[in-house]
Amino acid sequence: MAAFHYKASTSAGEILEGERRADDEASVVEWLHSQGYIPIRIEEGTAGGRGRSRRSAGKRLFGRKKTVRQNEVAVLTGELATLLRAGLPLDRAFSILMEIADDGPVRQLLSQLQEQVRGGSSLAEAMETQAETFSPLYISMIRAGEAGGALDVILGRLADFMERSKALKNAVTSALIYPAILVGVAGLSVIILLTFVVPQFQQLFEDAGKALPVATQIVIAAGNLLQNYWWALLLGFLAILLFMRHQLQIPERRYRWDGWLLRLPLVGDLIAKLEVARLSRTLNSLLLNGVPLLSALAIIKNTLNNQVMAEALSEVADALRQGHGMADPLLETALFPKMAVQMIKVGEETGQLEDMLGQVAEAYDLEVESTIKRLLALLEPVLILTLGVVIAGIIMSILVAILSVNELAF
């Protein structure tokens, strides 16, 4: 059995805190419910004290940071949904969350939201004043939940939506860690060879007084450049990054870059699948929460990263205003995967668009993971071979020069 630290609320809103030994967190939750308490946060104890929670509703999200991160918003959303489902009024739920929050931006955010709600604003209106924390998608779903009298349900769906989006992002990030480490180690090896190893042989070659092979001259020149002008190379690299960032901030240039990325083999297919998964999941959540389709498309347009695909949604919205369906205009853009569009078309024809969008999102989440694995299966040997050839080329250029010096000596 492990020791679990818990925080819970009574039906009157009183905060209780304590520890209980149990086999798992589910047992603690069951015990709290049997006592008539509402579990808010559960953390498994460690040798050094309290540990982090393994449940989304029990993660510690309130840190002393200047801004509220989206991970913190996701957990806050789940905790607020739990309290509202238990029948607590919104004002009291905010008070409880403020009591268990550490001093910092999250508590400040809760305080500001509570103050505005007490002043007569709706939760959506209060969140609109915190636009740097809550996205238009988040606010639209909250507004729909308040209008339908199902705010606790909407908050629960929002928490699940954010958790799924985070899982997809983490899957992509995790898949790129190994190639990044591979490139970093190989790049460091090349730098060490050029700045420390090659210069050791340079004096030997100069004393020999013989013209060096072209490959050796190139390697020595590269080493001198890196050794003497590393600061210029670093500034040049930073200048390129700033230039690219500036280009991406210009809508016309960003549109061209995004179009070029979509045309790339393999990469373009991956981007399209990522965007259709995001579109399907977001549209599914909005429609389930009562947001009209046209309004939902306008919101989704601002959530897509690829501007070419986002702009194509404007054409789809125009077709909807003229009484057409959504699937055919999507197909005409030739940007979205045909299988996804056909599934959406089936959903429109059967009147089950929301359910079909959920299936599309799940299917393309799996497709994204599969595509990433295929890309990595291709990328890893290419990287290893390319970097191996570069390092071997540097070493061979030195060996050839050494052999030529030995021939001169004999």
Protein backbone atom coordinates (compact mmCIF):
# COMPACT_ATOMS: atom_id res chain seq x y z
CA MET A 1 0.00 0.00 0.00
CA ALA A 2 1.06 3.55 -0.72
CA ALA A 3 0.32 6.77 1.16
CA PHE A 4 -1.81 9.30 -0.71
CA HIS A 5 -2.20 12.95 0.20
CA TYR A 6 -5.66 14.26 -0.67
CA LYS A 7 -7.56 17.51 -0.78
CA ALA A 8 -11.34 17.35 -0.86
CA SER A 9 -14.37 19.53 -0.30
CA THR A 10 -17.46 18.94 1.77
CA SER A 11 -20.91 19.68 0.39
CA ALA A 12 -20.75 22.96 2.29
CA GLY A 13 -17.54 23.92 0.52
CA GLU A 14 -15.13 23.29 3.42
CA ILE A 15 -11.65 22.18 2.36
CA LEU A 16 -10.33 18.98 3.94
CA GLU A 17 -6.75 17.78 3.67
CA GLY A 18 -5.15 14.58 4.88
CA GLU A 19 -3.43 11.30 4.04
CA ARG A 20 -4.75 7.79 3.50
CA ARG A 21 -3.02 4.52 2.73
CA ALA A 22 -4.51 2.61 -0.20
CA ASP A 23 -3.60 0.36 -3.12
CA ASP A 24 -4.24 3.06 -5.72
CA GLU A 25 -5.81 6.47 -6.28
CA ALA A 26 -9.15 4.94 -7.32
CA SER A 27 -9.47 3.45 -3.83
CA VAL A 28 -8.89 6.88 -2.27
CA VAL A 29 -11.49 8.44 -4.57
CA GLU A 30 -13.99 5.71 -3.67
CA TRP A 31 -13.36 6.23 0.05
CA LEU A 32 -13.81 10.01 -0.24
CA HIS A 33 -17.11 9.52 -2.07
CA SER A 34 -18.28 7.10 0.62
CA GLN A 35 -17.60 9.81 3.21
CA GLY A 36 -19.63 12.33 1.21
CA TYR A 37 -16.59 14.37 0.15
CA ILE A 38 -15.70 15.76 -3.29
CA PRO A 39 -12.12 14.82 -4.31
CA ILE A 40 -10.18 17.74 -5.75
CA ARG A 41 -6.55 16.66 -5.74
CA ILE A 42 -4.81 13.38 -4.91
CA GLU A 43 -1.04 12.97 -4.80
CA GLU A 44 0.94 9.82 -4.08
CA GLY A 45 3.45 10.26 -1.25
CA THR A 46 7.17 9.72 -1.90
CA ALA A 47 10.21 9.26 0.32
CA GLY A 48 10.87 12.96 0.17
CA GLY A 49 7.37 13.99 0.95
CA ARG A 50 4.39 14.61 -1.25
CA GLY A 51 4.62 13.43 -4.82
CA ARG A 52 2.99 14.62 -7.95
CA SER A 53 -0.43 13.41 -8.83
CA ARG A 54 -0.84 10.90 -11.60
CA ARG A 55 -4.39 11.99 -12.35
CA SER A 56 -5.20 14.92 -14.57
CA ALA A 57 -7.41 16.33 -11.82
CA GLY A 58 -4.65 15.98 -9.27
CA LYS A 59 -1.66 17.44 -11.04
CA ARG A 60 -0.02 20.37 -9.41
CA LEU A 61 -0.56 23.20 -11.72
CA PHE A 62 -0.26 26.25 -9.64
CA GLY A 63 3.33 27.45 -9.87
CA ARG A 64 5.04 30.73 -9.25
CA LYS A 65 5.33 31.77 -12.87
CA LYS A 66 4.58 35.01 -14.64
CA THR A 67 2.04 33.50 -17.02
CA VAL A 68 -0.54 30.75 -16.80
CA ARG A 69 0.46 27.87 -19.04
CA GLN A 70 -2.04 25.89 -21.08
CA ASN A 71 -1.22 22.77 -19.04
CA GLU A 72 -2.36 24.67 -15.96
CA VAL A 73 -5.51 25.85 -17.75
CA ALA A 74 -6.31 22.24 -18.67
CA VAL A 75 -6.06 20.99 -15.07
CA LEU A 76 -7.89 24.04 -13.75
CA THR A 77 -10.69 23.28 -16.23
CA GLY A 78 -10.97 19.69 -15.00
CA GLU A 79 -11.03 20.74 -11.35
CA LEU A 80 -13.69 23.38 -11.98
CA ALA A 81 -15.80 20.81 -13.86
CA THR A 82 -15.53 18.42 -10.89
CA LEU A 83 -16.73 21.04 -8.41
CA LEU A 84 -19.63 22.18 -10.61
CA ARG A 85 -20.76 18.58 -11.18
CA ALA A 86 -20.91 18.22 -7.40
CA GLY A 87 -23.51 20.98 -7.32
CA LEU A 88 -21.39 23.84 -6.01
CA PRO A 89 -22.16 27.32 -7.37
CA LEU A 90 -19.54 28.92 -9.62
CA ASP A 91 -18.56 31.55 -7.04
CA ARG A 92 -17.95 28.93 -4.34
CA ALA A 93 -16.03 26.72 -6.78
CA PHE A 94 -13.69 29.64 -7.51
CA SER A 95 -13.18 30.19 -3.79
CA ILE A 96 -12.23 26.55 -3.26
CA LEU A 97 -9.78 26.58 -6.16
CA MET A 98 -8.21 29.76 -4.79
CA GLU A 99 -7.79 28.13 -1.38
CA ILE A 100 -5.86 25.18 -2.78
CA ALA A 101 -3.81 27.27 -5.22
CA ASP A 102 -0.35 28.56 -4.36
CA ASP A 103 0.32 32.28 -4.53
CA GLY A 104 1.00 33.17 -8.14
CA PRO A 105 -0.59 33.92 -11.50
CA VAL A 106 -3.19 31.12 -11.29
CA ARG A 107 -4.60 32.44 -8.03
CA GLN A 108 -4.59 35.95 -9.49
CA LEU A 109 -6.44 34.67 -12.55
CA LEU A 110 -9.06 32.93 -10.40
CA SER A 111 -9.47 36.05 -8.27
CA GLN A 112 -10.03 38.25 -11.32
CA LEU A 113 -12.53 35.83 -12.84
CA GLN A 114 -14.43 35.55 -9.55
CA GLU A 115 -14.54 39.31 -9.13
CA GLN A 116 -16.00 39.81 -12.59
CA VAL A 117 -18.53 37.01 -12.16
CA ARG A 118 -19.64 38.55 -8.87
CA GLY A 119 -20.00 41.85 -10.71
CA GLY A 120 -22.61 40.37 -13.01
CA SER A 121 -20.49 39.18 -15.94
CA SER A 122 -20.91 35.73 -17.38
CA LEU A 123 -17.96 33.36 -17.18
CA ALA A 124 -17.37 33.74 -20.93
CA GLU A 125 -17.35 37.53 -20.65
CA ALA A 126 -14.91 37.35 -17.73
CA MET A 127 -12.63 35.05 -19.73
CA GLU A 128 -12.69 37.40 -22.72
CA THR A 129 -10.77 39.91 -20.61
CA GLN A 130 -8.05 37.25 -20.19
CA ALA A 131 -7.50 36.67 -23.92
CA GLU A 132 -3.82 35.87 -23.39
CA THR A 133 -4.86 32.83 -21.35
CA PHE A 134 -8.13 31.64 -22.89
CA SER A 135 -8.38 31.01 -26.64
CA PRO A 136 -11.40 32.01 -28.76
CA LEU A 137 -12.24 28.31 -29.01
CA TYR A 138 -12.27 27.97 -25.21
CA ILE A 139 -14.42 31.07 -24.73
CA SER A 140 -16.89 30.04 -27.44
CA MET A 141 -17.43 26.65 -25.82
CA ILE A 142 -17.91 28.25 -22.39
CA ARG A 143 -20.46 30.66 -23.87
CA ALA A 144 -22.33 27.76 -25.48
CA GLY A 145 -22.29 25.86 -22.18
CA GLU A 146 -23.69 28.81 -20.26
CA ALA A 147 -26.41 29.33 -22.86
CA GLY A 148 -27.41 25.66 -22.66
CA GLY A 149 -27.20 25.43 -18.87
CA ALA A 150 -24.56 22.69 -19.07
CA LEU A 151 -21.39 24.50 -18.00
CA ASP A 152 -20.08 21.54 -16.00
CA VAL A 153 -20.46 19.22 -19.01
CA ILE A 154 -18.73 21.70 -21.31
CA LEU A 155 -15.85 22.15 -18.88
CA GLY A 156 -15.41 18.39 -18.71
CA ARG A 157 -15.34 18.18 -22.51
CA LEU A 158 -12.90 21.05 -22.67
CA ALA A 159 -10.56 19.34 -20.21
CA ASP A 160 -10.71 16.14 -22.26
CA PHE A 161 -10.16 18.09 -25.50
CA MET A 162 -7.10 19.85 -24.11
CA GLU A 163 -5.70 16.58 -22.75
CA ARG A 164 -6.05 14.90 -26.16
CA SER A 165 -4.44 17.86 -27.92
CA LYS A 166 -1.58 17.77 -25.45
CA ALA A 167 -1.14 14.01 -25.97
CA LEU A 168 -0.86 14.48 -29.74
CA LYS A 169 1.64 17.30 -29.34
CA ASN A 170 3.70 15.24 -26.90
CA ALA A 171 3.70 12.30 -29.32
CA VAL A 172 5.12 14.48 -32.08
CA THR A 173 7.69 16.09 -29.77
CA SER A 174 8.83 12.76 -28.34
CA ALA A 175 9.27 11.32 -31.82
CA LEU A 176 11.62 14.16 -32.76
CA ILE A 177 13.87 13.86 -29.69
CA TYR A 178 16.10 11.08 -31.04
CA PRO A 179 16.80 12.74 -34.42
CA ALA A 180 17.56 16.01 -32.62
CA ILE A 181 20.03 14.27 -30.29
CA LEU A 182 21.60 12.47 -33.26
CA VAL A 183 22.11 15.70 -35.20
CA GLY A 184 23.41 17.50 -32.10
CA VAL A 185 25.99 14.82 -31.24
CA ALA A 186 27.16 14.50 -34.84
CA GLY A 187 27.39 18.27 -35.21
CA LEU A 188 29.44 18.50 -32.01
CA SER A 189 31.74 15.76 -33.33
CA VAL A 190 32.33 17.70 -36.55
CA ILE A 191 33.07 20.89 -34.61
CA ILE A 192 35.59 19.07 -32.38
CA LEU A 193 37.30 17.54 -35.41
CA LEU A 194 37.56 20.86 -37.25
CA THR A 195 38.60 23.03 -34.30
CA PHE A 196 40.84 20.70 -32.26
CA VAL A 197 41.97 17.72 -34.34
CA VAL A 198 42.62 19.23 -37.78
CA PRO A 199 44.77 22.15 -36.46
CA GLN A 200 47.12 19.58 -34.84
CA PHE A 201 48.13 18.37 -38.31
CA GLN A 202 48.22 21.76 -40.00
CA GLN A 203 51.79 22.61 -38.90
CA LEU A 204 52.97 19.20 -40.06
CA PHE A 205 51.54 19.78 -43.51
CA GLU A 206 53.05 23.27 -43.73
CA ASP A 207 56.54 21.97 -42.80
CA ALA A 208 56.32 19.30 -45.50
CA GLY A 209 56.26 22.00 -48.16
CA LYS A 210 54.11 19.97 -50.52
CA ALA A 211 50.82 20.96 -52.08
CA LEU A 212 48.03 19.29 -50.15
CA PRO A 213 45.12 17.44 -51.75
CA VAL A 214 42.10 19.63 -52.49
CA ALA A 215 39.95 17.78 -49.95
CA THR A 216 42.51 18.44 -47.21
CA GLN A 217 42.73 22.12 -48.15
CA ILE A 218 38.95 22.43 -47.89
CA VAL A 219 38.90 20.76 -44.47
CA ILE A 220 41.73 22.95 -43.15
CA ALA A 221 40.01 26.09 -44.49
CA ALA A 222 36.76 25.01 -42.81
CA GLY A 223 38.63 24.45 -39.55
CA ASN A 224 40.29 27.88 -39.74
CA LEU A 225 36.97 29.50 -40.52
CA LEU A 226 35.28 27.81 -37.59
CA GLN A 227 38.18 28.53 -35.22
CA ASN A 228 38.71 32.19 -36.12
CA TYR A 229 35.25 33.33 -37.15
CA TRP A 230 32.91 31.23 -35.01
CA TRP A 231 31.31 34.41 -33.73
CA ALA A 232 30.49 35.53 -37.29
CA LEU A 233 28.99 32.11 -38.08
CA LEU A 234 26.90 32.28 -34.89
CA LEU A 235 25.70 35.79 -35.73
CA GLY A 236 24.88 34.65 -39.25
CA PHE A 237 22.85 31.72 -37.92
CA LEU A 238 20.94 34.02 -35.55
CA ALA A 239 20.35 36.48 -38.41
CA ILE A 240 18.86 33.69 -40.51
CA LEU A 241 16.56 32.66 -37.65
CA LEU A 242 15.40 36.26 -37.14
CA PHE A 243 14.88 36.66 -40.88
CA MET A 244 12.76 33.49 -41.02
CA ARG A 245 10.76 34.61 -38.01
CA HIS A 246 10.15 37.99 -39.65
CA GLN A 247 9.09 36.30 -42.88
CA LEU A 248 6.58 34.09 -41.05
CA GLN A 249 5.02 37.15 -39.40
CA ILE A 250 4.14 38.61 -42.81
CA PRO A 251 0.82 37.01 -43.88
CA GLU A 252 1.70 36.83 -47.59
CA ARG A 253 5.10 35.23 -46.93
CA ARG A 254 3.66 32.88 -44.31
CA TYR A 255 1.04 31.78 -46.85
CA ARG A 256 3.76 30.99 -49.42
CA TRP A 257 5.85 29.05 -46.91
CA ASP A 258 2.85 27.02 -45.76
CA GLY A 259 1.92 26.25 -49.37
CA TRP A 260 5.48 25.11 -50.08
CA LEU A 261 5.48 22.85 -47.01
CA LEU A 262 2.23 21.21 -48.12
CA ARG A 263 3.81 20.33 -51.48
CA LEU A 264 6.80 18.58 -49.89
CA PRO A 265 6.76 14.77 -50.16
CA LEU A 266 5.90 13.01 -46.88
CA VAL A 267 6.13 16.26 -44.86
CA GLY A 268 3.13 17.77 -46.64
CA ASP A 269 1.10 14.61 -46.00
CA LEU A 270 2.00 14.74 -42.30
CA ILE A 271 1.00 18.41 -42.02
CA ALA A 272 -2.34 17.73 -43.72
CA LYS A 273 -3.08 14.86 -41.33
CA LEU A 274 -2.13 16.94 -38.30
CA GLU A 275 -4.40 19.76 -39.39
CA VAL A 276 -7.36 17.53 -40.25
CA ALA A 277 -7.05 15.83 -36.84
CA ARG A 278 -7.08 19.25 -35.15
CA LEU A 279 -9.97 20.47 -37.32
CA SER A 280 -12.09 17.35 -36.70
CA ARG A 281 -11.54 17.30 -32.95
CA THR A 282 -12.24 21.02 -32.55
CA LEU A 283 -15.30 21.00 -34.80
CA ASN A 284 -16.63 17.94 -32.99
CA SER A 285 -16.36 19.71 -29.63
CA LEU A 286 -17.93 22.93 -30.89
CA LEU A 287 -20.88 21.23 -32.57
CA LEU A 288 -21.55 19.02 -29.55
CA ASN A 289 -21.69 22.16 -27.44
CA GLY A 290 -24.27 23.84 -29.65
CA VAL A 291 -22.06 26.23 -31.63
CA PRO A 292 -23.47 26.75 -35.17
CA LEU A 293 -21.40 25.23 -37.98
CA LEU A 294 -20.55 28.56 -39.63
CA SER A 295 -19.44 30.08 -36.34
CA ALA A 296 -17.45 26.94 -35.57
CA LEU A 297 -15.60 27.16 -38.90
CA ALA A 298 -14.72 30.81 -38.20
CA ILE A 299 -13.25 29.78 -34.83
CA ILE A 300 -11.36 26.80 -36.27
CA LYS A 301 -9.80 28.98 -38.96
CA ASN A 302 -7.82 30.71 -36.20
CA THR A 303 -6.71 27.43 -34.61
CA LEU A 304 -5.07 25.85 -37.69
CA ASN A 305 -1.33 26.41 -38.04
CA ASN A 306 -1.16 26.07 -41.82
CA GLN A 307 -2.50 29.28 -43.35
CA VAL A 308 -3.26 27.70 -46.73
CA MET A 309 -5.58 25.14 -45.15
CA ALA A 310 -7.05 27.79 -42.83
CA GLU A 311 -7.84 30.06 -45.78
CA ALA A 312 -9.51 27.15 -47.57
CA LEU A 313 -12.08 27.04 -44.75
CA SER A 314 -13.29 30.47 -45.89
CA GLU A 315 -14.27 28.89 -49.22
CA VAL A 316 -16.06 26.10 -47.34
CA ALA A 317 -17.93 28.69 -45.24
CA ASP A 318 -19.01 30.54 -48.41
CA ALA A 319 -20.35 27.28 -49.86
CA LEU A 320 -22.28 26.61 -46.64
CA ARG A 321 -23.91 30.04 -46.83
CA GLN A 322 -25.11 29.14 -50.31
CA GLY A 323 -26.79 26.01 -49.00
CA HIS A 324 -24.15 23.44 -49.92
CA GLY A 325 -22.70 20.81 -47.62
CA MET A 326 -19.24 20.93 -46.08
CA ALA A 327 -17.66 17.80 -47.58
CA ASP A 328 -17.77 18.73 -51.28
CA PRO A 329 -16.12 22.16 -50.82
CA LEU A 330 -13.45 20.51 -48.66
CA LEU A 331 -12.81 18.01 -51.45
CA GLU A 332 -12.58 20.76 -54.07
CA THR A 333 -9.75 22.46 -52.20
CA ALA A 334 -7.59 19.33 -52.78
CA LEU A 335 -5.83 20.09 -49.49
CA PHE A 336 -7.58 17.79 -47.05
CA PRO A 337 -7.12 13.97 -47.06
CA LYS A 338 -9.79 12.35 -49.23
CA MET A 339 -10.59 9.64 -46.70
CA ALA A 340 -11.32 12.23 -44.00
CA VAL A 341 -13.55 14.21 -46.38
CA GLN A 342 -15.47 11.08 -47.37
CA MET A 343 -16.06 10.23 -43.72
CA ILE A 344 -17.35 13.77 -43.13
CA LYS A 345 -19.63 13.39 -46.15
CA VAL A 346 -21.08 10.19 -44.72
CA GLY A 347 -21.68 12.01 -41.44
CA GLU A 348 -23.56 14.79 -43.24
CA GLU A 349 -25.70 12.34 -45.19
CA THR A 350 -26.64 10.30 -42.11
CA GLY A 351 -27.14 13.28 -39.81
CA GLN A 352 -24.33 12.12 -37.52
CA LEU A 353 -21.69 14.70 -38.36
CA GLU A 354 -20.53 15.18 -34.76
CA ASP A 355 -19.95 11.45 -34.20
CA MET A 356 -18.19 11.07 -37.54
CA LEU A 357 -15.90 14.04 -36.79
CA GLY A 358 -14.92 12.34 -33.53
CA GLN A 359 -14.05 9.17 -35.45
CA VAL A 360 -12.04 11.19 -37.99
CA ALA A 361 -10.08 12.83 -35.17
CA GLU A 362 -9.26 9.47 -33.55
CA ALA A 363 -8.37 7.87 -36.90
CA TYR A 364 -6.04 10.68 -37.91
CA ASP A 365 -4.39 10.83 -34.50
CA LEU A 366 -3.33 7.25 -35.19
CA GLU A 367 -2.41 8.18 -38.78
CA VAL A 368 -0.17 10.98 -37.52
CA GLU A 369 1.67 8.62 -35.17
CA SER A 370 2.04 6.06 -37.97
CA THR A 371 3.29 8.67 -40.44
CA ILE A 372 5.81 10.01 -37.93
CA LYS A 373 7.15 6.50 -37.37
CA ARG A 374 7.52 5.98 -41.13
CA LEU A 375 9.26 9.33 -41.51
CA LEU A 376 11.66 8.53 -38.68
CA ALA A 377 12.31 5.08 -40.13
CA LEU A 378 13.44 6.88 -43.29
CA LEU A 379 15.09 9.88 -41.61
CA GLU A 380 17.28 8.08 -39.08
CA PRO A 381 19.34 6.01 -41.55
CA VAL A 382 19.63 9.02 -43.87
CA LEU A 383 20.95 11.16 -41.02
CA ILE A 384 23.34 8.47 -39.82
CA LEU A 385 24.65 7.87 -43.35
CA THR A 386 25.01 11.58 -44.16
CA LEU A 387 26.73 12.49 -40.91
CA GLY A 388 28.91 9.39 -41.12
CA VAL A 389 30.04 10.40 -44.63
CA VAL A 390 30.87 13.94 -43.41
CA ILE A 391 32.94 12.70 -40.47
CA ALA A 392 34.60 9.99 -42.56
CA GLY A 393 35.39 12.58 -45.25
CA ILE A 394 37.17 14.80 -42.72
CA ILE A 395 39.19 11.88 -41.36
CA MET A 396 40.06 10.57 -44.85
CA SER A 397 41.21 14.01 -46.01
CA ILE A 398 43.70 14.07 -43.10
CA LEU A 399 44.87 10.51 -43.75
CA VAL A 400 45.43 11.21 -47.47
CA ALA A 401 47.51 14.28 -46.59
CA ILE A 402 49.56 12.28 -44.06
CA LEU A 403 50.23 9.58 -46.65
CA SER A 404 51.33 12.18 -49.18
CA VAL A 405 53.76 13.67 -46.63
CA ASN A 406 55.21 10.21 -45.92
CA GLU A 407 55.72 9.59 -49.64
CA LEU A 408 57.63 12.90 -49.86
CA ALA A 409 59.84 11.86 -46.94
CA PHE A 410 60.89 8.65 -48.69
